[in-house]
Amino acid sequence: MYERKNLKTVLSWSSGKDSAWALHVLRSQGVEVNALLTTVNEAFGRVAMHAVRRELLEAQAEATGVRLKVVDLPWPCSNEVYEERMRIATNALVEEGFDTIAFGDLFLRDIREYREERLEGTSIKPIFPLWEIPTDRLAKEMIAGGLKARVTCVDPRKLTSDFAGREWNEEFLRDLPSSVDPCGENGEFHTFVYDGPMFNTPLNILSGEVVERDGFVFADILPLIRKQESVLSE
């Protein structure tokens, strides 16, 4: 629980379940989230790593009622370029009066420390509303709480490719090997949220093609309206 209720908070938004649930948790604690911050591969118009189409990202933001702030990244993107663009984005947040940034990280200490180090010397404080909640419990809480998500990316070194494109639900959790974290916190898989208590209305989506690229298996997701338009044009 965060004691200050007058935080001006931006949430690091990946389009996946953890950041979406972090939004729900913060709101339940009385913290208003004023913006969502996302990195997008500018060459392909997709959320970095999750590979979610920008139009679906924008639909998520509209469904949450929170404005979206996008940091465009080149492809390929070196760590130096990434950090420079994030530095510029952070400075812009400071100028807008933001004093807090929330992350949906769960237990990876090195990731948390990296975020904290990058924010040192700024006036923005990082917070981690889901930190160290046991992920088996957290996964069940999310699903029971009405969160609905589709798996968009799988690391085939850790999980078989047939998990790509599946619903992230109780059946998915039962089918996971014991070596895989139920929330995919070690990078085993990534998700796209299309419904849940953080949304004003669910997103209508369809499954797209599944492809293997750059050592990962990606399952595309299409907005339903695009599929309808495609059918009408045939």
C-alpha atoms as a PDB file:
ATOM      1  CA  MET A   1       0.000   0.000   0.000  1.00  0.00           C
ATOM      2  CA  TYR A   2       1.338   3.418  -0.951  1.00  0.00           C
ATOM      3  CA  GLU A   3       0.598   6.064   1.659  1.00  0.00           C
ATOM      4  CA  ARG A   4       0.582   9.092  -0.644  1.00  0.00           C
ATOM      5  CA  LYS A   5      -2.628   9.326  -2.646  1.00  0.00           C
ATOM      6  CA  ASN A   6      -1.559  12.439  -4.575  1.00  0.00           C
ATOM      7  CA  LEU A   7       1.139  10.704  -6.612  1.00  0.00           C
ATOM      8  CA  LYS A   8       1.439  11.689 -10.243  1.00  0.00           C
ATOM      9  CA  THR A   9       2.139   8.221 -11.536  1.00  0.00           C
ATOM     10  CA  VAL A  10       3.146   6.753 -14.868  1.00  0.00           C
ATOM     11  CA  LEU A  11       2.975   2.986 -15.336  1.00  0.00           C
ATOM     12  CA  SER A  12       5.449   1.051 -17.438  1.00  0.00           C
ATOM     13  CA  TRP A  13       3.060  -0.738 -19.808  1.00  0.00           C
ATOM     14  CA  SER A  14       4.110  -3.812 -21.793  1.00  0.00           C
ATOM     15  CA  SER A  15       0.595  -4.742 -23.024  1.00  0.00           C
ATOM     16  CA  GLY A  16       0.870  -7.913 -20.924  1.00  0.00           C
ATOM     17  CA  LYS A  17      -0.793  -9.269 -17.827  1.00  0.00           C
ATOM     18  CA  ASP A  18       1.657  -8.046 -15.165  1.00  0.00           C
ATOM     19  CA  SER A  19       1.524  -4.382 -16.108  1.00  0.00           C
ATOM     20  CA  ALA A  20      -2.247  -4.618 -16.563  1.00  0.00           C
ATOM     21  CA  TRP A  21      -2.685  -6.175 -13.134  1.00  0.00           C
ATOM     22  CA  ALA A  22      -0.355  -3.563 -11.620  1.00  0.00           C
ATOM     23  CA  LEU A  23      -2.770  -0.908 -12.921  1.00  0.00           C
ATOM     24  CA  HIS A  24      -5.669  -2.696 -11.239  1.00  0.00           C
ATOM     25  CA  VAL A  25      -3.769  -3.054  -7.948  1.00  0.00           C
ATOM     26  CA  LEU A  26      -2.670   0.585  -7.888  1.00  0.00           C
ATOM     27  CA  ARG A  27      -6.212   1.775  -8.502  1.00  0.00           C
ATOM     28  CA  SER A  28      -7.513  -0.494  -5.737  1.00  0.00           C
ATOM     29  CA  GLN A  29      -4.995   1.183  -3.407  1.00  0.00           C
ATOM     30  CA  GLY A  30      -6.245   4.643  -4.310  1.00  0.00           C
ATOM     31  CA  VAL A  31      -3.330   5.547  -6.599  1.00  0.00           C
ATOM     32  CA  GLU A  32      -4.376   7.259  -9.819  1.00  0.00           C
ATOM     33  CA  VAL A  33      -2.304   6.286 -12.845  1.00  0.00           C
ATOM     34  CA  ASN A  34      -1.982   9.301 -15.132  1.00  0.00           C
ATOM     35  CA  ALA A  35      -0.130   7.764 -18.087  1.00  0.00           C
ATOM     36  CA  LEU A  36       1.066   4.498 -19.597  1.00  0.00           C
ATOM     37  CA  LEU A  37       4.654   4.389 -20.881  1.00  0.00           C
ATOM     38  CA  THR A  38       5.483   1.876 -23.614  1.00  0.00           C
ATOM     39  CA  THR A  39       8.419   1.151 -25.917  1.00  0.00           C
ATOM     40  CA  VAL A  40       7.555   0.350 -29.531  1.00  0.00           C
ATOM     41  CA  ASN A  41       9.740  -0.997 -32.313  1.00  0.00           C
ATOM     42  CA  GLU A  42       9.332   1.848 -34.812  1.00  0.00           C
ATOM     43  CA  ALA A  43      10.373  -0.304 -37.783  1.00  0.00           C
ATOM     44  CA  PHE A  44       7.529  -2.800 -37.274  1.00  0.00           C
ATOM     45  CA  GLY A  45       5.029  -0.796 -35.219  1.00  0.00           C
ATOM     46  CA  ARG A  46       4.903  -3.385 -32.456  1.00  0.00           C
ATOM     47  CA  VAL A  47       5.490  -3.435 -28.703  1.00  0.00           C
ATOM     48  CA  ALA A  48       9.046  -4.532 -27.973  1.00  0.00           C
ATOM     49  CA  MET A  49       9.320  -8.295 -27.205  1.00  0.00           C
ATOM     50  CA  HIS A  50       5.573  -8.820 -26.864  1.00  0.00           C
ATOM     51  CA  ALA A  51       5.230  -8.076 -30.614  1.00  0.00           C
ATOM     52  CA  VAL A  52       1.747  -6.607 -30.138  1.00  0.00           C
ATOM     53  CA  ARG A  53       0.484  -4.322 -32.906  1.00  0.00           C
ATOM     54  CA  ARG A  54       0.490  -0.638 -32.061  1.00  0.00           C
ATOM     55  CA  GLU A  55      -3.204  -0.307 -32.881  1.00  0.00           C
ATOM     56  CA  LEU A  56      -3.986  -2.910 -30.208  1.00  0.00           C
ATOM     57  CA  LEU A  57      -1.738  -1.106 -27.745  1.00  0.00           C
ATOM     58  CA  GLU A  58      -3.691   2.079 -28.428  1.00  0.00           C
ATOM     59  CA  ALA A  59      -6.965   0.182 -27.996  1.00  0.00           C
ATOM     60  CA  GLN A  60      -5.762  -1.013 -24.585  1.00  0.00           C
ATOM     61  CA  ALA A  61      -4.983   2.535 -23.499  1.00  0.00           C
ATOM     62  CA  GLU A  62      -8.416   3.691 -24.630  1.00  0.00           C
ATOM     63  CA  ALA A  63     -10.035   0.841 -22.691  1.00  0.00           C
ATOM     64  CA  THR A  64      -8.165   1.816 -19.511  1.00  0.00           C
ATOM     65  CA  GLY A  65      -9.001   5.488 -19.906  1.00  0.00           C
ATOM     66  CA  VAL A  66      -5.324   6.373 -19.402  1.00  0.00           C
ATOM     67  CA  ARG A  67      -3.309   8.305 -21.966  1.00  0.00           C
ATOM     68  CA  LEU A  68      -0.500   6.505 -23.742  1.00  0.00           C
ATOM     69  CA  LYS A  69       3.087   7.772 -24.011  1.00  0.00           C
ATOM     70  CA  VAL A  70       5.159   5.874 -26.581  1.00  0.00           C
ATOM     71  CA  VAL A  71       8.951   5.709 -26.773  1.00  0.00           C
ATOM     72  CA  ASP A  72       9.875   4.691 -30.321  1.00  0.00           C
ATOM     73  CA  LEU A  73      12.950   2.470 -30.618  1.00  0.00           C
ATOM     74  CA  PRO A  74      14.916   1.768 -33.806  1.00  0.00           C
ATOM     75  CA  TRP A  75      15.598  -1.730 -35.086  1.00  0.00           C
ATOM     76  CA  PRO A  76      18.117  -2.988 -34.306  1.00  0.00           C
ATOM     77  CA  CYS A  77      18.466  -1.068 -31.058  1.00  0.00           C
ATOM     78  CA  SER A  78      21.672  -0.996 -29.022  1.00  0.00           C
ATOM     79  CA  ASN A  79      21.528  -0.693 -25.247  1.00  0.00           C
ATOM     80  CA  GLU A  80      23.126   2.758 -25.546  1.00  0.00           C
ATOM     81  CA  VAL A  81      20.368   3.987 -27.853  1.00  0.00           C
ATOM     82  CA  TYR A  82      17.701   2.432 -25.640  1.00  0.00           C
ATOM     83  CA  GLU A  83      19.048   4.144 -22.532  1.00  0.00           C
ATOM     84  CA  GLU A  84      19.352   7.494 -24.300  1.00  0.00           C
ATOM     85  CA  ARG A  85      15.758   7.407 -25.516  1.00  0.00           C
ATOM     86  CA  MET A  86      14.540   6.374 -22.067  1.00  0.00           C
ATOM     87  CA  ARG A  87      16.567   9.198 -20.532  1.00  0.00           C
ATOM     88  CA  ILE A  88      14.836  11.669 -22.834  1.00  0.00           C
ATOM     89  CA  ALA A  89      11.449  10.157 -21.970  1.00  0.00           C
ATOM     90  CA  THR A  90      12.213  10.361 -18.241  1.00  0.00           C
ATOM     91  CA  ASN A  91      13.232  14.016 -18.510  1.00  0.00           C
ATOM     92  CA  ALA A  92       9.944  14.724 -20.285  1.00  0.00           C
ATOM     93  CA  LEU A  93       8.049  13.004 -17.466  1.00  0.00           C
ATOM     94  CA  VAL A  94       9.850  15.164 -14.900  1.00  0.00           C
ATOM     95  CA  GLU A  95       8.907  18.289 -16.851  1.00  0.00           C
ATOM     96  CA  GLU A  96       5.263  17.180 -16.775  1.00  0.00           C
ATOM     97  CA  GLY A  97       5.379  16.824 -12.997  1.00  0.00           C
ATOM     98  CA  PHE A  98       5.450  13.047 -12.682  1.00  0.00           C
ATOM     99  CA  ASP A  99       7.041  11.923  -9.436  1.00  0.00           C
ATOM    100  CA  THR A 100       6.414   8.156  -9.552  1.00  0.00           C
ATOM    101  CA  ILE A 101       6.802   5.347 -12.061  1.00  0.00           C
ATOM    102  CA  ALA A 102       5.305   1.916 -11.407  1.00  0.00           C
ATOM    103  CA  PHE A 103       6.626  -1.357 -12.798  1.00  0.00           C
ATOM    104  CA  GLY A 104       4.975  -4.790 -12.975  1.00  0.00           C
ATOM    105  CA  ASP A 105       8.165  -6.659 -12.059  1.00  0.00           C
ATOM    106  CA  LEU A 106       7.638  -9.680  -9.814  1.00  0.00           C
ATOM    107  CA  PHE A 107      10.888 -11.004  -8.369  1.00  0.00           C
ATOM    108  CA  LEU A 108      13.943 -10.512 -10.609  1.00  0.00           C
ATOM    109  CA  ARG A 109      16.266  -8.516  -8.390  1.00  0.00           C
ATOM    110  CA  ASP A 110      18.701  -7.515 -11.161  1.00  0.00           C
ATOM    111  CA  ILE A 111      15.899  -5.983 -13.244  1.00  0.00           C
ATOM    112  CA  ARG A 112      14.602  -4.013 -10.273  1.00  0.00           C
ATOM    113  CA  GLU A 113      18.078  -2.768  -9.392  1.00  0.00           C
ATOM    114  CA  TYR A 114      18.671  -1.702 -13.007  1.00  0.00           C
ATOM    115  CA  ARG A 115      15.478   0.348 -13.009  1.00  0.00           C
ATOM    116  CA  GLU A 116      16.341   1.938  -9.672  1.00  0.00           C
ATOM    117  CA  GLU A 117      19.863   2.789 -10.831  1.00  0.00           C
ATOM    118  CA  ARG A 118      18.625   4.403 -14.052  1.00  0.00           C
ATOM    119  CA  LEU A 119      16.276   6.642 -12.056  1.00  0.00           C
ATOM    120  CA  GLU A 120      18.884   7.746  -9.525  1.00  0.00           C
ATOM    121  CA  GLY A 121      19.448  11.478  -9.700  1.00  0.00           C
ATOM    122  CA  THR A 122      15.953  12.133 -11.050  1.00  0.00           C
ATOM    123  CA  SER A 123      12.916  13.240  -9.076  1.00  0.00           C
ATOM    124  CA  ILE A 124      10.971  10.132 -10.131  1.00  0.00           C
ATOM    125  CA  LYS A 125      10.603   7.302  -7.640  1.00  0.00           C
ATOM    126  CA  PRO A 126      10.103   3.700  -8.840  1.00  0.00           C
ATOM    127  CA  ILE A 127       7.452   1.552  -7.153  1.00  0.00           C
ATOM    128  CA  PHE A 128       6.711  -2.155  -7.610  1.00  0.00           C
ATOM    129  CA  PRO A 129       3.126  -2.986  -6.578  1.00  0.00           C
ATOM    130  CA  LEU A 130       3.391  -6.725  -7.388  1.00  0.00           C
ATOM    131  CA  TRP A 131       6.853  -7.287  -5.945  1.00  0.00           C
ATOM    132  CA  GLU A 132       7.506 -10.733  -4.422  1.00  0.00           C
ATOM    133  CA  ILE A 133       3.910 -11.887  -4.468  1.00  0.00           C
ATOM    134  CA  PRO A 134       4.305 -15.661  -5.025  1.00  0.00           C
ATOM    135  CA  THR A 135       3.686 -16.084  -8.740  1.00  0.00           C
ATOM    136  CA  ASP A 136       1.560 -19.226  -8.448  1.00  0.00           C
ATOM    137  CA  ARG A 137      -0.800 -17.320  -6.176  1.00  0.00           C
ATOM    138  CA  LEU A 138      -0.611 -14.169  -8.257  1.00  0.00           C
ATOM    139  CA  ALA A 139      -1.457 -16.017 -11.494  1.00  0.00           C
ATOM    140  CA  LYS A 140      -4.562 -17.538  -9.922  1.00  0.00           C
ATOM    141  CA  GLU A 141      -5.600 -14.166  -8.477  1.00  0.00           C
ATOM    142  CA  MET A 142      -5.342 -12.533 -11.887  1.00  0.00           C
ATOM    143  CA  ILE A 143      -7.405 -15.202 -13.607  1.00  0.00           C
ATOM    144  CA  ALA A 144     -10.013 -15.314 -10.834  1.00  0.00           C
ATOM    145  CA  GLY A 145     -10.138 -11.508 -10.958  1.00  0.00           C
ATOM    146  CA  GLY A 146     -11.275 -11.578 -14.579  1.00  0.00           C
ATOM    147  CA  LEU A 147      -8.036 -10.860 -16.421  1.00  0.00           C
ATOM    148  CA  LYS A 148      -7.971 -12.430 -19.872  1.00  0.00           C
ATOM    149  CA  ALA A 149      -4.798 -12.678 -21.898  1.00  0.00           C
ATOM    150  CA  ARG A 150      -3.382 -14.407 -24.955  1.00  0.00           C
ATOM    151  CA  VAL A 151       0.216 -15.693 -25.199  1.00  0.00           C
ATOM    152  CA  THR A 152       2.004 -13.714 -27.930  1.00  0.00           C
ATOM    153  CA  CYS A 153       5.596 -14.882 -27.559  1.00  0.00           C
ATOM    154  CA  VAL A 154       7.286 -18.072 -26.382  1.00  0.00           C
ATOM    155  CA  ASP A 155      10.962 -18.826 -25.822  1.00  0.00           C
ATOM    156  CA  PRO A 156      11.239 -22.330 -27.363  1.00  0.00           C
ATOM    157  CA  ARG A 157      14.334 -23.033 -25.270  1.00  0.00           C
ATOM    158  CA  LYS A 158      12.092 -22.968 -22.197  1.00  0.00           C
ATOM    159  CA  LEU A 159       8.614 -23.845 -23.463  1.00  0.00           C
ATOM    160  CA  THR A 160       7.343 -25.730 -26.509  1.00  0.00           C
ATOM    161  CA  SER A 161       6.106 -23.606 -29.392  1.00  0.00           C
ATOM    162  CA  ASP A 162       2.532 -24.938 -29.206  1.00  0.00           C
ATOM    163  CA  PHE A 163       1.969 -22.718 -26.164  1.00  0.00           C
ATOM    164  CA  ALA A 164       2.158 -19.653 -28.440  1.00  0.00           C
ATOM    165  CA  GLY A 165      -1.279 -18.224 -29.170  1.00  0.00           C
ATOM    166  CA  ARG A 166      -2.987 -19.997 -26.269  1.00  0.00           C
ATOM    167  CA  GLU A 167      -5.197 -18.385 -23.681  1.00  0.00           C
ATOM    168  CA  TRP A 168      -3.373 -17.688 -20.427  1.00  0.00           C
ATOM    169  CA  ASN A 169      -5.829 -19.411 -18.107  1.00  0.00           C
ATOM    170  CA  GLU A 170      -6.134 -22.211 -15.562  1.00  0.00           C
ATOM    171  CA  GLU A 171      -5.727 -24.865 -18.246  1.00  0.00           C
ATOM    172  CA  PHE A 172      -2.565 -23.156 -19.483  1.00  0.00           C
ATOM    173  CA  LEU A 173      -1.159 -23.119 -15.945  1.00  0.00           C
ATOM    174  CA  ARG A 174      -1.919 -26.829 -15.479  1.00  0.00           C
ATOM    175  CA  ASP A 175      -0.105 -27.662 -18.713  1.00  0.00           C
ATOM    176  CA  LEU A 176       3.057 -25.732 -17.869  1.00  0.00           C
ATOM    177  CA  PRO A 177       6.206 -27.740 -17.060  1.00  0.00           C
ATOM    178  CA  SER A 178       7.230 -27.352 -13.425  1.00  0.00           C
ATOM    179  CA  SER A 179      10.384 -25.525 -14.548  1.00  0.00           C
ATOM    180  CA  VAL A 180       8.364 -22.650 -16.052  1.00  0.00           C
ATOM    181  CA  ASP A 181       7.196 -19.753 -13.914  1.00  0.00           C
ATOM    182  CA  PRO A 182       3.381 -19.438 -14.032  1.00  0.00           C
ATOM    183  CA  CYS A 183       3.731 -15.735 -14.820  1.00  0.00           C
ATOM    184  CA  GLY A 184       6.615 -16.232 -17.259  1.00  0.00           C
ATOM    185  CA  GLU A 185       8.805 -13.923 -15.200  1.00  0.00           C
ATOM    186  CA  ASN A 186      12.001 -15.558 -16.450  1.00  0.00           C
ATOM    187  CA  GLY A 187      11.106 -14.715 -20.040  1.00  0.00           C
ATOM    188  CA  GLU A 188       9.486 -18.054 -20.874  1.00  0.00           C
ATOM    189  CA  PHE A 189       6.482 -16.347 -22.463  1.00  0.00           C
ATOM    190  CA  HIS A 190       4.791 -12.966 -22.920  1.00  0.00           C
ATOM    191  CA  THR A 191       1.127 -12.040 -23.125  1.00  0.00           C
ATOM    192  CA  PHE A 192      -1.419  -9.551 -24.429  1.00  0.00           C
ATOM    193  CA  VAL A 193      -4.344  -8.575 -22.184  1.00  0.00           C
ATOM    194  CA  TYR A 194      -7.714  -8.026 -23.870  1.00  0.00           C
ATOM    195  CA  ASP A 195     -10.082  -7.938 -20.898  1.00  0.00           C
ATOM    196  CA  GLY A 196     -10.039  -7.446 -17.156  1.00  0.00           C
ATOM    197  CA  PRO A 197     -11.040  -5.151 -14.296  1.00  0.00           C
ATOM    198  CA  MET A 198      -8.591  -2.498 -15.508  1.00  0.00           C
ATOM    199  CA  PHE A 199     -10.562  -2.070 -18.762  1.00  0.00           C
ATOM    200  CA  ASN A 200     -13.799  -0.181 -19.344  1.00  0.00           C
ATOM    201  CA  THR A 201     -14.662  -2.577 -22.157  1.00  0.00           C
ATOM    202  CA  PRO A 202     -13.079  -5.770 -23.541  1.00  0.00           C
ATOM    203  CA  LEU A 203     -11.121  -5.736 -26.794  1.00  0.00           C
ATOM    204  CA  ASN A 204     -12.401  -7.850 -29.674  1.00  0.00           C
ATOM    205  CA  ILE A 205      -9.503  -9.819 -31.135  1.00  0.00           C
ATOM    206  CA  LEU A 206      -8.716 -12.724 -33.431  1.00  0.00           C
ATOM    207  CA  SER A 207      -5.726 -15.053 -33.612  1.00  0.00           C
ATOM    208  CA  GLY A 208      -3.248 -14.451 -36.424  1.00  0.00           C
ATOM    209  CA  GLU A 209      -0.380 -16.502 -37.789  1.00  0.00           C
ATOM    210  CA  VAL A 210       2.319 -18.106 -35.641  1.00  0.00           C
ATOM    211  CA  VAL A 211       5.906 -17.603 -36.812  1.00  0.00           C
ATOM    212  CA  GLU A 212       9.407 -18.334 -35.522  1.00  0.00           C
ATOM    213  CA  ARG A 213      11.773 -15.386 -35.727  1.00  0.00           C
ATOM    214  CA  ASP A 214      15.027 -14.383 -34.038  1.00  0.00           C
ATOM    215  CA  GLY A 215      14.944 -17.453 -31.798  1.00  0.00           C
ATOM    216  CA  PHE A 216      11.398 -16.880 -30.507  1.00  0.00           C
ATOM    217  CA  VAL A 217       7.926 -18.070 -31.494  1.00  0.00           C
ATOM    218  CA  PHE A 218       5.426 -15.246 -32.018  1.00  0.00           C
ATOM    219  CA  ALA A 219       1.646 -15.552 -32.239  1.00  0.00           C
ATOM    220  CA  ASP A 220       0.090 -12.544 -33.946  1.00  0.00           C
ATOM    221  CA  ILE A 221      -3.133 -10.998 -32.689  1.00  0.00           C
ATOM    222  CA  LEU A 222      -5.509  -9.053 -34.913  1.00  0.00           C
ATOM    223  CA  PRO A 223      -8.177  -6.542 -33.982  1.00  0.00           C
ATOM    224  CA  LEU A 224     -11.542  -8.009 -34.985  1.00  0.00           C
ATOM    225  CA  ILE A 225     -12.426  -4.961 -37.085  1.00  0.00           C
ATOM    226  CA  ARG A 226      -9.392  -5.572 -39.331  1.00  0.00           C
ATOM    227  CA  LYS A 227     -10.507  -9.141 -40.022  1.00  0.00           C
ATOM    228  CA  GLN A 228     -14.025  -7.959 -40.830  1.00  0.00           C
ATOM    229  CA  GLU A 229     -12.712  -5.324 -43.228  1.00  0.00           C
ATOM    230  CA  SER A 230     -10.541  -7.932 -44.947  1.00  0.00           C
ATOM    231  CA  VAL A 231     -13.542 -10.231 -45.490  1.00  0.00           C
ATOM    232  CA  LEU A 232     -15.702  -7.411 -46.856  1.00  0.00           C
ATOM    233  CA  SER A 233     -13.031  -6.424 -49.371  1.00  0.00           C
ATOM    234  CA  GLU A 234     -12.772  -9.920 -50.890  1.00  0.00           C
END
